[in-house]
C-alpha atoms as a PDB file:
ATOM      1  CA  MET A   1      -8.554 -32.373 -22.981  1.00  0.00           C
ATOM      2  CA  SER A   2      -6.493 -31.576 -19.358  1.00  0.00           C
ATOM      3  CA  GLN A   3      -4.229 -33.966 -18.430  1.00  0.00           C
ATOM      4  CA  SER A   4      -3.945 -34.808 -15.024  1.00  0.00           C
ATOM      5  CA  ILE A   5      -0.378 -34.119 -13.188  1.00  0.00           C
ATOM      6  CA  ASP A   6       0.730 -35.761 -10.217  1.00  0.00           C
ATOM      7  CA  HIS A   7       1.966 -32.899  -8.030  1.00  0.00           C
ATOM      8  CA  HIS A   8       3.403 -35.036  -5.745  1.00  0.00           C
ATOM      9  CA  GLN A   9       5.725 -36.799  -8.209  1.00  0.00           C
ATOM     10  CA  LEU A  10       6.540 -33.282  -9.987  1.00  0.00           C
ATOM     11  CA  ILE A  11       7.574 -32.076  -6.696  1.00  0.00           C
ATOM     12  CA  LYS A  12       9.875 -35.211  -5.619  1.00  0.00           C
ATOM     13  CA  THR A  13      11.421 -34.470  -8.748  1.00  0.00           C
ATOM     14  CA  LEU A  14      12.159 -31.084  -8.694  1.00  0.00           C
ATOM     15  CA  GLY A  15      13.183 -31.402  -5.406  1.00  0.00           C
ATOM     16  CA  ARG A  16      16.064 -33.942  -6.895  1.00  0.00           C
ATOM     17  CA  ALA A  17      16.873 -31.751  -9.731  1.00  0.00           C
ATOM     18  CA  GLY A  18      17.251 -28.662  -7.062  1.00  0.00           C
ATOM     19  CA  LEU A  19      20.187 -31.401  -6.204  1.00  0.00           C
ATOM     20  CA  ILE A  20      22.351 -30.609  -9.080  1.00  0.00           C
ATOM     21  CA  PRO A  21      24.019 -27.452  -8.840  1.00  0.00           C
ATOM     22  CA  PHE A  22      24.456 -28.565  -5.271  1.00  0.00           C
ATOM     23  CA  VAL A  23      26.837 -31.711  -6.495  1.00  0.00           C
ATOM     24  CA  LEU A  24      28.284 -30.202  -9.605  1.00  0.00           C
ATOM     25  CA  LEU A  25      29.897 -27.448  -7.169  1.00  0.00           C
ATOM     26  CA  ALA A  26      30.990 -29.808  -5.154  1.00  0.00           C
ATOM     27  CA  LEU A  27      32.417 -32.114  -7.419  1.00  0.00           C
ATOM     28  CA  MET A  28      34.064 -29.196  -9.194  1.00  0.00           C
ATOM     29  CA  VAL A  29      35.358 -27.862  -6.525  1.00  0.00           C
ATOM     30  CA  TRP A  30      37.161 -30.520  -5.502  1.00  0.00           C
ATOM     31  CA  LEU A  31      38.238 -31.897  -9.154  1.00  0.00           C
ATOM     32  CA  LEU A  32      37.478 -29.903 -11.903  1.00  0.00           C
ATOM     33  CA  VAL A  33      38.760 -26.254 -10.974  1.00  0.00           C
ATOM     34  CA  ASP A  34      41.858 -24.981 -10.498  1.00  0.00           C
ATOM     35  CA  ASN A  35      42.781 -23.845  -7.056  1.00  0.00           C
ATOM     36  CA  ASP A  36      42.964 -20.144  -7.937  1.00  0.00           C
ATOM     37  CA  LEU A  37      39.450 -20.971  -9.207  1.00  0.00           C
ATOM     38  CA  GLN A  38      37.979 -22.874  -5.800  1.00  0.00           C
ATOM     39  CA  PRO A  39      37.306 -19.959  -4.288  1.00  0.00           C
ATOM     40  CA  PHE A  40      34.795 -18.552  -6.896  1.00  0.00           C
ATOM     41  CA  VAL A  41      33.294 -21.914  -7.514  1.00  0.00           C
ATOM     42  CA  ALA A  42      32.745 -22.172  -3.685  1.00  0.00           C
ATOM     43  CA  THR A  43      31.351 -18.850  -3.320  1.00  0.00           C
ATOM     44  CA  ALA A  44      28.500 -20.003  -5.897  1.00  0.00           C
ATOM     45  CA  LEU A  45      28.052 -23.114  -4.383  1.00  0.00           C
ATOM     46  CA  ALA A  46      27.640 -20.678  -0.814  1.00  0.00           C
ATOM     47  CA  CYS A  47      24.729 -18.707  -2.483  1.00  0.00           C
ATOM     48  CA  TYR A  48      22.772 -21.477  -3.985  1.00  0.00           C
ATOM     49  CA  ALA A  49      22.978 -22.919  -0.426  1.00  0.00           C
ATOM     50  CA  ALA A  50      21.845 -19.491   0.886  1.00  0.00           C
ATOM     51  CA  ILE A  51      18.553 -19.459  -1.793  1.00  0.00           C
ATOM     52  CA  ILE A  52      17.786 -22.827  -0.639  1.00  0.00           C
ATOM     53  CA  ALA A  53      18.198 -22.251   2.899  1.00  0.00           C
ATOM     54  CA  SER A  54      15.846 -19.294   1.928  1.00  0.00           C
ATOM     55  CA  PHE A  55      13.195 -21.074   0.002  1.00  0.00           C
ATOM     56  CA  LEU A  56      12.738 -23.561   2.882  1.00  0.00           C
ATOM     57  CA  GLY A  57      11.650 -20.591   5.038  1.00  0.00           C
ATOM     58  CA  GLY A  58       9.934 -19.700   2.865  1.00  0.00           C
ATOM     59  CA  VAL A  59       7.651 -22.760   2.660  1.00  0.00           C
ATOM     60  CA  HIS A  60       6.775 -21.944   6.081  1.00  0.00           C
ATOM     61  CA  TRP A  61       5.954 -18.667   5.671  1.00  0.00           C
ATOM     62  CA  GLY A  62       3.312 -19.672   2.503  1.00  0.00           C
ATOM     63  CA  ALA A  63       2.170 -22.140   4.978  1.00  0.00           C
ATOM     64  CA  ALA A  64       0.940 -20.195   7.354  1.00  0.00           C
ATOM     65  CA  TRP A  65      -0.156 -18.079   4.961  1.00  0.00           C
ATOM     66  CA  VAL A  66      -2.801 -20.528   3.983  1.00  0.00           C
ATOM     67  CA  HIS A  67      -3.675 -21.516   7.263  1.00  0.00           C
ATOM     68  CA  SER A  68      -4.208 -18.128   8.360  1.00  0.00           C
ATOM     69  CA  GLU A  69      -6.607 -17.374   4.918  1.00  0.00           C
ATOM     70  CA  ALA A  70      -8.556 -20.690   5.395  1.00  0.00           C
ATOM     71  CA  GLY A  71      -9.520 -19.762   8.890  1.00  0.00           C
ATOM     72  CA  SER A  72      -7.752 -21.872  10.984  1.00  0.00           C
ATOM     73  CA  SER A  73      -8.541 -22.327  14.816  1.00  0.00           C
ATOM     74  CA  HIS A  74      -4.931 -23.442  15.880  1.00  0.00           C
ATOM     75  CA  ARG A  75      -3.145 -20.206  13.985  1.00  0.00           C
ATOM     76  CA  ASP A  76      -1.546 -18.507  16.652  1.00  0.00           C
ATOM     77  CA  GLU A  77      -0.370 -21.575  18.266  1.00  0.00           C
ATOM     78  CA  HIS A  78       1.034 -22.865  15.191  1.00  0.00           C
ATOM     79  CA  GLN A  79       1.436 -19.985  12.615  1.00  0.00           C
ATOM     80  CA  VAL A  80       3.354 -17.761  14.379  1.00  0.00           C
ATOM     81  CA  PRO A  81       6.643 -19.712  15.266  1.00  0.00           C
ATOM     82  CA  ALA A  82       6.179 -20.802  10.964  1.00  0.00           C
ATOM     83  CA  LEU A  83       6.121 -17.102  10.215  1.00  0.00           C
ATOM     84  CA  TRP A  84       9.235 -16.212  12.391  1.00  0.00           C
ATOM     85  CA  TRP A  85      10.838 -19.165  11.181  1.00  0.00           C
ATOM     86  CA  GLY A  86      10.492 -18.038   7.459  1.00  0.00           C
ATOM     87  CA  ILE A  87      11.925 -14.815   7.997  1.00  0.00           C
ATOM     88  CA  SER A  88      14.893 -16.514  10.228  1.00  0.00           C
ATOM     89  CA  ALA A  89      16.233 -18.738   7.643  1.00  0.00           C
ATOM     90  CA  SER A  90      16.295 -15.858   5.079  1.00  0.00           C
ATOM     91  CA  LEU A  91      18.289 -13.965   7.603  1.00  0.00           C
ATOM     92  CA  LEU A  92      20.476 -16.946   8.704  1.00  0.00           C
ATOM     93  CA  ALA A  93      21.512 -17.856   4.900  1.00  0.00           C
ATOM     94  CA  TRP A  94      22.370 -14.085   4.370  1.00  0.00           C
ATOM     95  CA  LEU A  95      24.733 -13.766   7.031  1.00  0.00           C
ATOM     96  CA  GLY A  96      26.237 -17.434   5.699  1.00  0.00           C
ATOM     97  CA  ILE A  97      26.827 -15.327   2.260  1.00  0.00           C
ATOM     98  CA  LEU A  98      28.349 -12.429   4.159  1.00  0.00           C
ATOM     99  CA  ILE A  99      30.418 -14.346   6.738  1.00  0.00           C
ATOM    100  CA  PRO A 100      33.312 -14.571   3.866  1.00  0.00           C
ATOM    101  CA  ILE A 101      32.631 -11.160   3.231  1.00  0.00           C
ATOM    102  CA  LEU A 102      32.939  -9.700   5.990  1.00  0.00           C
ATOM    103  CA  SER A 103      35.514 -11.940   7.383  1.00  0.00           C
ATOM    104  CA  GLY A 104      37.866 -10.890   4.636  1.00  0.00           C
ATOM    105  CA  LEU A 105      37.224  -7.693   4.483  1.00  0.00           C
ATOM    106  CA  VAL A 106      38.504  -7.581   8.377  1.00  0.00           C
ATOM    107  CA  TRP A 107      41.704  -9.443   7.240  1.00  0.00           C
ATOM    108  CA  TYR A 108      42.064  -7.117   4.670  1.00  0.00           C
ATOM    109  CA  ILE A 109      42.001  -4.547   6.506  1.00  0.00           C
ATOM    110  CA  ALA A 110      44.431  -5.763   8.918  1.00  0.00           C
ATOM    111  CA  GLN A 111      46.562  -7.117   7.099  1.00  0.00           C
ATOM    112  CA  GLY A 112      46.869  -5.053   3.411  1.00  0.00           C
ATOM    113  CA  GLU A 113      46.542  -8.107   1.782  1.00  0.00           C
ATOM    114  CA  LEU A 114      44.322 -11.303   1.203  1.00  0.00           C
ATOM    115  CA  SER A 115      46.202 -14.043  -0.188  1.00  0.00           C
ATOM    116  CA  ILE A 116      43.906 -16.894  -1.914  1.00  0.00           C
ATOM    117  CA  ASP A 117      44.261 -19.137   1.440  1.00  0.00           C
ATOM    118  CA  GLU A 118      42.864 -16.586   3.385  1.00  0.00           C
ATOM    119  CA  VAL A 119      40.238 -16.144   0.484  1.00  0.00           C
ATOM    120  CA  LYS A 120      39.304 -20.296   0.841  1.00  0.00           C
ATOM    121  CA  LEU A 121      39.914 -19.994   4.364  1.00  0.00           C
ATOM    122  CA  GLN A 122      36.764 -17.671   4.492  1.00  0.00           C
ATOM    123  CA  ALA A 123      34.166 -19.580   1.395  1.00  0.00           C
ATOM    124  CA  GLN A 124      35.082 -22.689   3.801  1.00  0.00           C
ATOM    125  CA  ALA A 125      33.465 -21.030   7.339  1.00  0.00           C
ATOM    126  CA  GLY A 126      30.598 -19.798   5.216  1.00  0.00           C
ATOM    127  CA  LEU A 127      29.824 -23.112   3.481  1.00  0.00           C
ATOM    128  CA  ILE A 128      30.067 -24.738   6.886  1.00  0.00           C
ATOM    129  CA  TRP A 129      27.476 -22.175   8.694  1.00  0.00           C
ATOM    130  CA  LEU A 130      25.381 -22.785   5.192  1.00  0.00           C
ATOM    131  CA  GLY A 131      26.064 -26.946   5.479  1.00  0.00           C
ATOM    132  CA  LEU A 132      24.492 -26.399   9.106  1.00  0.00           C
ATOM    133  CA  LEU A 133      21.641 -24.303   7.975  1.00  0.00           C
ATOM    134  CA  LEU A 134      20.242 -26.474   5.911  1.00  0.00           C
ATOM    135  CA  ILE A 135      20.865 -29.331   8.574  1.00  0.00           C
ATOM    136  CA  ALA A 136      18.979 -26.753  10.964  1.00  0.00           C
ATOM    137  CA  CYS A 137      16.169 -26.363   8.652  1.00  0.00           C
ATOM    138  CA  TYR A 138      15.088 -29.998   7.997  1.00  0.00           C
ATOM    139  CA  LEU A 139      15.278 -30.119  12.009  1.00  0.00           C
ATOM    140  CA  ILE A 140      13.159 -27.282  11.981  1.00  0.00           C
ATOM    141  CA  ASP A 141      10.924 -28.965   9.628  1.00  0.00           C
ATOM    142  CA  ARG A 142      10.702 -31.587  11.808  1.00  0.00           C
ATOM    143  CA  LYS A 143       8.874 -29.745  14.122  1.00  0.00           C
ATOM    144  CA  LEU A 144       6.735 -27.428  12.270  1.00  0.00           C
ATOM    145  CA  TYR A 145       5.702 -29.610   9.505  1.00  0.00           C
ATOM    146  CA  PRO A 146       3.051 -31.981  11.387  1.00  0.00           C
ATOM    147  CA  SER A 147       1.525 -29.049  12.525  1.00  0.00           C
ATOM    148  CA  ALA A 148       0.847 -27.446   9.014  1.00  0.00           C
ATOM    149  CA  GLY A 149      -0.080 -30.712   7.647  1.00  0.00           C
ATOM    150  CA  LEU A 150       3.215 -31.513   5.443  1.00  0.00           C
ATOM    151  CA  GLN A 151       4.398 -34.651   7.352  1.00  0.00           C
ATOM    152  CA  HIS A 152       4.128 -36.878   4.469  1.00  0.00           C
ATOM    153  CA  TRP A 153       7.104 -34.637   3.147  1.00  0.00           C
ATOM    154  CA  LEU A 154       9.696 -35.031   5.602  1.00  0.00           C
ATOM    155  CA  THR A 155      11.191 -38.552   3.829  1.00  0.00           C
ATOM    156  CA  LEU A 156      12.120 -36.051   0.939  1.00  0.00           C
ATOM    157  CA  ARG A 157      13.393 -33.507   2.695  1.00  0.00           C
ATOM    158  CA  PHE A 158      15.356 -35.546   5.241  1.00  0.00           C
ATOM    159  CA  HIS A 159      17.368 -36.896   1.669  1.00  0.00           C
ATOM    160  CA  LEU A 160      17.454 -33.266  -0.090  1.00  0.00           C
ATOM    161  CA  SER A 161      18.736 -31.753   3.556  1.00  0.00           C
ATOM    162  CA  THR A 162      21.389 -34.871   3.511  1.00  0.00           C
ATOM    163  CA  VAL A 163      22.995 -34.013   0.279  1.00  0.00           C
ATOM    164  CA  ALA A 164      23.055 -30.715   0.246  1.00  0.00           C
ATOM    165  CA  ALA A 165      24.647 -30.691   3.634  1.00  0.00           C
ATOM    166  CA  LEU A 166      27.052 -32.817   2.636  1.00  0.00           C
ATOM    167  CA  SER A 167      27.749 -31.407  -0.589  1.00  0.00           C
ATOM    168  CA  CYS A 168      28.237 -27.643   1.111  1.00  0.00           C
ATOM    169  CA  PHE A 169      30.780 -29.752   4.281  1.00  0.00           C
ATOM    170  CA  LEU A 170      32.347 -31.859   0.885  1.00  0.00           C
ATOM    171  CA  ALA A 171      33.391 -28.419  -1.066  1.00  0.00           C
ATOM    172  CA  ALA A 172      34.311 -27.497   2.567  1.00  0.00           C
ATOM    173  CA  GLY A 173      36.494 -30.159   3.071  1.00  0.00           C
ATOM    174  CA  ALA A 174      38.364 -29.099  -0.439  1.00  0.00           C
ATOM    175  CA  LEU A 175      39.504 -25.901   0.321  1.00  0.00           C
END
């Protein structure tokens, strides 16, 4: 006997579960870690945010792929932007991880040392970038989801993106 699975409910549940690292890491930056450990927790949050932004771009890539395999007649008009966004989200997320690393390296080369406050400032810049990227992912989803037949997921995407971006911004504010 096979048990029927409500895929819509499963997607909603897993999406909400995906917020746990955002919320926990943001709370840790604010409340639970020593001042000197904050940049490390912030980096963990930034890495998770980058992975999620990359995943969100991958949704577009996958939807375009499925439509092209199905022989959709409006393939070129709607799938090309989805394919471009699919790779762009990953590259922009990667940049969000590189911002603290590169700015820290430049600072270290220029000053010869790097204080914990300077490390926090660089981590803060990465989190702000990634929070803005998560908002951009949602705004692009609003534009591209309807052509992929995914518009019914926009309310969930709004809620998930709001919590994720706010987590990044709140953690950045604690640094």
